N, C-alpha and C. Protein backbone atom coordinates (compact mmCIF):
# COMPACT_ATOMS: atom_id res chain seq x y z
N UNK A 1 72.57 35.45 36.78
CA UNK A 1 73.33 34.60 37.70
C UNK A 1 72.58 33.17 37.58
N UNK A 2 71.15 33.25 37.64
CA UNK A 2 70.36 32.01 37.85
C UNK A 2 70.43 31.02 36.36
N UNK A 3 70.58 31.74 35.32
CA UNK A 3 70.71 30.94 34.08
C UNK A 3 72.00 30.27 33.84
N UNK A 4 73.13 30.81 34.62
CA UNK A 4 74.48 30.07 34.35
C UNK A 4 74.43 28.91 35.43
N UNK A 5 73.64 28.95 36.70
CA UNK A 5 73.72 27.99 37.33
C UNK A 5 72.77 26.88 36.99
N UNK A 6 71.73 27.20 36.31
CA UNK A 6 70.81 26.12 35.57
C UNK A 6 71.57 25.30 34.58
N UNK A 7 72.43 26.15 33.75
CA UNK A 7 73.26 25.60 32.66
C UNK A 7 74.35 24.76 33.34
N UNK A 8 74.95 25.19 34.39
CA UNK A 8 76.21 24.20 35.03
C UNK A 8 75.44 23.04 35.65
N UNK A 9 74.06 22.91 36.14
CA UNK A 9 73.60 21.87 36.70
C UNK A 9 73.22 20.85 35.42
N UNK A 10 72.88 21.44 34.31
CA UNK A 10 72.49 20.57 33.11
C UNK A 10 73.85 19.98 32.61
N UNK A 11 74.91 20.70 32.69
CA UNK A 11 76.17 20.01 32.50
C UNK A 11 76.62 19.17 33.14
N UNK A 12 76.51 19.11 34.67
CA UNK A 12 76.52 18.18 35.69
C UNK A 12 75.72 16.92 35.42
N UNK A 13 74.58 17.19 35.12
CA UNK A 13 73.60 15.96 34.63
C UNK A 13 73.95 15.24 33.54
N UNK A 14 74.54 16.01 32.47
CA UNK A 14 74.97 15.14 31.14
C UNK A 14 76.30 14.59 31.64
N UNK A 15 77.15 15.06 32.28
CA UNK A 15 78.27 14.22 32.78
C UNK A 15 77.96 13.08 33.65
N UNK A 16 77.07 13.14 34.51
CA UNK A 16 76.81 11.97 35.15
C UNK A 16 76.31 10.84 34.39
N UNK A 17 75.36 11.31 33.43
CA UNK A 17 74.64 10.50 32.31
C UNK A 17 75.71 9.82 31.73
N UNK A 18 76.54 10.47 31.17
CA UNK A 18 77.70 9.94 30.15
C UNK A 18 78.57 8.92 30.92
N UNK A 19 78.75 9.48 32.17
CA UNK A 19 79.82 8.29 33.02
C UNK A 19 78.89 7.00 33.26
N UNK A 20 77.53 7.16 33.69
CA UNK A 20 76.82 6.14 33.68
C UNK A 20 76.68 5.22 32.52
N UNK A 21 76.63 5.61 31.12
CA UNK A 21 76.17 4.79 29.89
C UNK A 21 77.56 4.38 29.52
N UNK A 22 78.45 5.24 29.39
CA UNK A 22 79.54 4.68 28.90
C UNK A 22 80.93 4.16 29.50
N UNK A 23 80.95 4.43 30.86
CA UNK A 23 82.06 4.00 31.75
C UNK A 23 81.21 2.61 32.43
N UNK A 24 80.38 2.90 33.36
CA UNK A 24 79.63 1.87 34.17
C UNK A 24 78.92 0.74 33.27
N UNK A 25 78.63 1.15 32.10
CA UNK A 25 77.96 0.28 31.18
C UNK A 25 79.04 -0.71 30.57
N UNK A 26 80.39 -0.36 30.52
CA UNK A 26 81.21 -1.10 29.80
C UNK A 26 81.65 -2.52 30.85
N UNK A 27 81.26 -2.04 32.18
CA UNK A 27 81.55 -3.13 33.28
C UNK A 27 80.70 -3.99 33.16
N UNK A 28 79.27 -3.61 32.83
CA UNK A 28 77.94 -4.48 32.80
C UNK A 28 78.10 -5.40 31.55
N UNK A 29 78.47 -4.73 30.28
CA UNK A 29 78.46 -5.22 29.00
C UNK A 29 79.33 -6.64 29.09
N UNK A 30 78.93 -7.37 28.05
CA UNK A 30 79.66 -8.76 27.86
C UNK A 30 81.00 -8.28 27.25
N UNK A 31 81.02 -7.43 26.42
CA UNK A 31 82.52 -7.15 25.70
C UNK A 31 82.78 -5.81 26.35
N UNK A 32 83.93 -5.60 26.75
CA UNK A 32 84.76 -4.60 27.24
C UNK A 32 85.45 -3.79 26.23
N UNK A 33 85.16 -2.31 26.09
CA UNK A 33 85.79 -1.74 24.94
C UNK A 33 86.57 -0.69 25.87
N UNK A 34 87.82 -0.65 25.73
CA UNK A 34 88.69 0.37 26.37
C UNK A 34 88.41 1.70 25.81
N UNK A 35 88.21 1.92 24.56
CA UNK A 35 87.89 3.35 23.65
C UNK A 35 86.72 3.68 24.44
N UNK A 36 85.59 3.01 24.43
CA UNK A 36 84.66 3.59 25.10
C UNK A 36 84.60 4.07 26.26
N UNK A 37 85.44 3.27 27.12
CA UNK A 37 85.79 3.62 28.51
C UNK A 37 86.47 5.10 28.50
N UNK A 38 87.26 5.10 27.86
CA UNK A 38 88.25 6.28 27.80
C UNK A 38 87.53 7.59 27.22
N UNK A 39 86.62 7.36 26.22
CA UNK A 39 85.91 8.42 25.87
C UNK A 39 84.89 8.80 26.73
N UNK A 40 84.34 7.91 27.75
CA UNK A 40 83.33 8.44 28.68
C UNK A 40 83.83 9.21 29.80
N UNK A 41 85.34 8.81 30.13
CA UNK A 41 85.93 9.41 31.14
C UNK A 41 86.20 10.65 30.65
N UNK A 42 86.84 10.93 29.54
CA UNK A 42 87.09 12.29 28.83
C UNK A 42 85.83 13.09 28.71
N UNK A 43 84.72 12.67 28.13
CA UNK A 43 83.47 13.31 28.12
C UNK A 43 83.04 13.78 29.53
N UNK A 44 83.12 12.88 30.35
CA UNK A 44 82.67 13.28 31.73
C UNK A 44 83.48 14.34 32.38
N UNK A 45 84.73 14.15 32.20
CA UNK A 45 85.74 15.29 32.81
C UNK A 45 85.31 16.64 32.16
N UNK A 46 85.13 16.75 30.83
CA UNK A 46 85.07 17.60 30.08
C UNK A 46 83.49 18.41 30.62
N UNK A 47 82.55 17.55 30.59
CA UNK A 47 81.35 18.29 31.08
C UNK A 47 81.44 18.91 32.46
N UNK A 48 82.10 18.26 33.50
CA UNK A 48 82.38 18.74 34.61
C UNK A 48 83.21 19.97 34.80
N UNK A 49 83.94 20.06 34.13
CA UNK A 49 84.95 21.31 33.77
C UNK A 49 84.07 22.45 33.37
N UNK A 50 83.52 22.00 32.57
CA UNK A 50 82.61 23.24 31.71
C UNK A 50 81.36 23.70 32.91
N UNK A 51 80.95 22.69 33.62
CA UNK A 51 80.05 23.12 34.61
C UNK A 51 80.63 23.93 35.70
N UNK A 52 81.95 23.62 36.21
CA UNK A 52 82.74 24.41 37.03
C UNK A 52 82.95 25.91 36.58
N UNK A 53 83.54 25.92 35.18
CA UNK A 53 83.56 27.23 34.55
C UNK A 53 82.38 28.11 34.80
N UNK A 54 81.08 27.49 34.25
CA UNK A 54 79.71 28.26 34.15
C UNK A 54 79.41 28.52 35.84
N UNK A 55 79.75 28.00 36.83
CA UNK A 55 79.24 28.26 38.09
C UNK A 55 80.13 29.42 38.47
N UNK A 56 81.39 29.61 37.95
CA UNK A 56 82.39 30.91 38.43
C UNK A 56 81.95 32.19 37.67
N UNK A 57 81.03 31.99 36.50
CA UNK A 57 80.70 33.32 35.74
C UNK A 57 79.79 34.17 36.78
N UNK A 58 80.12 35.39 36.58
CA UNK A 58 79.30 36.28 37.33
C UNK A 58 78.52 37.04 36.55
N UNK A 59 77.51 37.23 36.59
CA UNK A 59 76.45 38.04 35.52
C UNK A 59 76.51 39.36 35.93
N UNK A 60 76.52 40.22 35.10
CA UNK A 60 76.62 41.66 35.49
C UNK A 60 75.30 42.43 35.08
């Protein structure tokens, strides 16, 4: 169970970093790219979804 929890934490961290780099970075940059923002949001949602699924896995 511990390895799935650690993997879920890693996915949470990856999602947070992707959100920071791709979404928040677009608002800081001089040139705004809607495609990069949407890609960052979708990657963040998929990473958080994977982390939630991993948290629910029960090791037997």
